[in-house]
């Protein structure tokens, strides 16, 4: 059984780390792209904020019992990541169904405001997640049918997964300084 409080504590830790890390970057580093097909740190931060909205949307749909169904199972990938509580340590291409335009980075100051808001968004729905019976689920195209607490777990895994990308982008952006 997933523990929403433990998951939330990890989300808080990840968001606090991303927030603190913003102080390390110059504007040049934040917007630097080593290749046309590689994101900048700013684009990665934008992706994190956009993804957060997506996860909150699905959590709320589960809690409000809309745009999903009673029951449903995770697929094999969903079961594997849930069991390991982690995405595989590889670069993952977003499913075509979710892929839109390349993210456009905002300013470092924008993310200094956005990250605490992201934390508040999750904190504000935690009681509802903890009291939810987890029977209503919405479809995650890569993982299968997920309940509110399972979406919370995916949000946590997603934040932690991007630390690898952040480290790589920090390394390449140092050459731009």
Protein backbone atom coordinates (compact mmCIF):
# COMPACT_ATOMS: atom_id res chain seq x y z
CA UNK A 1 0.00 0.00 0.00
CA UNK A 2 1.39 3.39 -0.98
CA UNK A 3 1.89 5.93 1.78
CA UNK A 4 0.85 9.38 0.52
CA UNK A 5 2.72 11.17 3.33
CA UNK A 6 6.00 9.44 2.43
CA UNK A 7 5.49 10.26 -1.24
CA UNK A 8 4.68 13.89 -0.43
CA UNK A 9 7.82 14.19 1.73
CA UNK A 10 9.90 13.02 -1.25
CA UNK A 11 8.13 15.45 -3.59
CA UNK A 12 8.87 18.29 -1.15
CA UNK A 13 12.52 17.25 -0.98
CA UNK A 14 12.82 17.15 -4.78
CA UNK A 15 11.10 20.50 -5.27
CA UNK A 16 13.28 22.08 -2.57
CA UNK A 17 16.38 20.75 -4.34
CA UNK A 18 15.26 22.11 -7.71
CA UNK A 19 14.51 25.46 -6.06
CA UNK A 20 17.89 25.66 -4.32
CA UNK A 21 19.67 24.67 -7.52
CA UNK A 22 18.26 27.68 -9.35
CA UNK A 23 20.74 29.84 -7.42
CA UNK A 24 23.64 28.01 -9.13
CA UNK A 25 22.78 29.05 -12.66
CA UNK A 26 23.66 32.12 -14.65
CA UNK A 27 21.16 33.11 -17.33
CA UNK A 28 23.63 31.88 -19.96
CA UNK A 29 23.81 28.44 -18.33
CA UNK A 30 20.05 28.27 -17.77
CA UNK A 31 19.21 28.82 -21.45
CA UNK A 32 22.20 27.00 -22.99
CA UNK A 33 21.43 24.19 -25.47
CA UNK A 34 24.38 21.98 -26.38
CA UNK A 35 22.56 20.72 -29.51
CA UNK A 36 19.33 21.74 -31.24
CA UNK A 37 17.69 18.50 -30.01
CA UNK A 38 18.78 18.87 -26.38
CA UNK A 39 16.81 20.85 -23.85
CA UNK A 40 18.28 23.67 -21.82
CA UNK A 41 18.02 23.63 -18.04
CA UNK A 42 15.25 26.20 -18.43
CA UNK A 43 13.31 23.93 -20.75
CA UNK A 44 13.69 21.07 -18.29
CA UNK A 45 12.28 23.28 -15.50
CA UNK A 46 9.39 24.27 -17.77
CA UNK A 47 8.75 20.59 -18.48
CA UNK A 48 8.65 19.91 -14.72
CA UNK A 49 6.06 22.64 -14.17
CA UNK A 50 3.92 21.56 -17.13
CA UNK A 51 4.09 17.92 -16.03
CA UNK A 52 3.13 18.92 -12.51
CA UNK A 53 -0.09 20.48 -13.85
CA UNK A 54 -0.77 17.28 -15.78
CA UNK A 55 -0.30 15.11 -12.67
CA UNK A 56 -2.49 17.39 -10.51
CA UNK A 57 -5.16 17.31 -13.22
CA UNK A 58 -5.25 13.50 -13.11
CA UNK A 59 -5.16 13.36 -9.31
CA UNK A 60 -8.13 15.74 -9.17
CA UNK A 61 -9.99 13.74 -11.82
CA UNK A 62 -9.56 10.61 -9.69
CA UNK A 63 -10.67 12.42 -6.53
CA UNK A 64 -13.69 13.92 -8.32
CA UNK A 65 -14.45 10.64 -10.10
CA UNK A 66 -14.43 12.07 -13.61
CA UNK A 67 -12.79 11.29 -16.96
CA UNK A 68 -11.81 7.81 -15.82
CA UNK A 69 -13.42 4.69 -14.45
CA UNK A 70 -13.94 2.57 -11.37
CA UNK A 71 -11.10 0.07 -11.25
CA UNK A 72 -8.55 -0.83 -13.85
CA UNK A 73 -5.02 -2.12 -13.67
CA UNK A 74 -1.54 -0.88 -14.34
CA UNK A 75 0.13 -2.43 -17.36
CA UNK A 76 3.48 -4.26 -17.10
CA UNK A 77 5.50 -1.03 -17.32
CA UNK A 78 3.29 0.57 -14.67
CA UNK A 79 3.68 -2.41 -12.35
CA UNK A 80 7.46 -2.41 -12.82
CA UNK A 81 7.97 1.30 -12.08
CA UNK A 82 5.56 1.18 -9.16
CA UNK A 83 7.36 -1.78 -7.63
CA UNK A 84 10.78 -0.13 -8.08
CA UNK A 85 9.35 3.30 -7.18
CA UNK A 86 11.47 4.68 -9.99
CA UNK A 87 11.58 5.17 -13.72
CA UNK A 88 14.34 3.20 -15.45
CA UNK A 89 17.69 5.05 -15.48
CA UNK A 90 17.46 5.76 -19.20
CA UNK A 91 16.39 8.65 -21.40
CA UNK A 92 12.69 8.28 -21.96
CA UNK A 93 10.94 9.75 -24.97
CA UNK A 94 7.56 11.21 -24.14
CA UNK A 95 4.76 9.26 -25.81
CA UNK A 96 3.72 10.86 -29.10
CA UNK A 97 0.21 11.41 -27.70
CA UNK A 98 1.65 13.74 -25.03
CA UNK A 99 4.27 15.46 -27.12
CA UNK A 100 3.48 19.01 -27.98
CA UNK A 101 5.71 21.91 -28.84
CA UNK A 102 9.14 22.04 -27.28
CA UNK A 103 8.91 23.73 -23.87
CA UNK A 104 9.82 27.41 -23.78
CA UNK A 105 11.84 28.36 -20.73
CA UNK A 106 10.73 31.23 -18.55
CA UNK A 107 13.06 33.16 -16.26
CA UNK A 108 14.86 31.76 -13.24
CA UNK A 109 12.71 34.09 -11.10
CA UNK A 110 9.56 32.55 -12.59
CA UNK A 111 10.63 29.09 -11.42
CA UNK A 112 11.58 30.44 -7.99
CA UNK A 113 7.89 31.37 -7.74
CA UNK A 114 6.52 28.27 -9.47
CA UNK A 115 8.25 25.57 -7.42
CA UNK A 116 6.78 26.64 -4.04
CA UNK A 117 3.37 26.89 -5.74
CA UNK A 118 3.79 23.34 -7.02
CA UNK A 119 4.48 22.18 -3.48
CA UNK A 120 1.39 24.04 -2.20
CA UNK A 121 -0.76 22.50 -4.95
CA UNK A 122 0.12 19.02 -3.74
CA UNK A 123 -0.14 19.90 -0.05
CA UNK A 124 -3.63 21.32 -0.63
CA UNK A 125 -4.98 18.00 -1.92
CA UNK A 126 -3.10 15.64 0.40
CA UNK A 127 -6.00 15.08 2.83
CA UNK A 128 -8.28 14.20 -0.07
CA UNK A 129 -5.69 11.78 -1.45
CA UNK A 130 -5.25 10.13 1.96
CA UNK A 131 -9.01 9.70 2.50
CA UNK A 132 -9.75 8.57 -1.07
CA UNK A 133 -10.67 4.90 -1.45
CA UNK A 134 -8.40 4.72 -4.56
CA UNK A 135 -11.04 2.87 -6.58
CA UNK A 136 -11.45 5.52 -9.28
CA UNK A 137 -8.65 5.65 -11.84
CA UNK A 138 -7.59 7.56 -14.92
CA UNK A 139 -5.46 6.30 -17.76
CA UNK A 140 -1.72 6.97 -17.95
CA UNK A 141 -0.72 6.10 -21.52
CA UNK A 142 2.56 4.49 -20.47
CA UNK A 143 1.59 2.91 -17.12
CA UNK A 144 -2.09 1.98 -17.35
CA UNK A 145 -4.92 2.83 -14.95
CA UNK A 146 -3.80 4.82 -11.89
CA UNK A 147 -5.56 6.01 -8.74
CA UNK A 148 -4.92 9.40 -7.12
CA UNK A 149 -2.13 8.09 -4.88
CA UNK A 150 -0.57 6.23 -7.80
CA UNK A 151 -0.55 9.47 -9.82
CA UNK A 152 1.13 11.11 -6.83
CA UNK A 153 3.78 8.39 -6.91
CA UNK A 154 4.33 8.95 -10.65
CA UNK A 155 4.71 12.70 -9.98
CA UNK A 156 7.38 11.91 -7.40
CA UNK A 157 9.19 9.45 -9.67
CA UNK A 158 9.09 11.98 -12.50
CA UNK A 159 10.74 14.69 -10.39
CA UNK A 160 13.47 12.30 -9.25
CA UNK A 161 13.98 10.96 -12.78
CA UNK A 162 14.88 14.42 -14.08
CA UNK A 163 17.76 14.81 -11.61
CA UNK A 164 19.83 12.69 -14.03
CA UNK A 165 18.99 15.01 -16.90
CA UNK A 166 19.69 18.04 -14.72
CA UNK A 167 23.16 16.74 -13.89
CA UNK A 168 23.92 16.16 -17.57
CA UNK A 169 22.62 19.61 -18.56
CA UNK A 170 24.61 21.27 -15.77
CA UNK A 171 27.76 19.62 -17.08
CA UNK A 172 27.23 20.73 -20.67
CA UNK A 173 26.07 24.23 -19.71
CA UNK A 174 29.29 24.89 -17.80
CA UNK A 175 31.03 25.17 -21.16
CA UNK A 176 28.75 28.12 -21.96
CA UNK A 177 29.83 30.16 -18.94
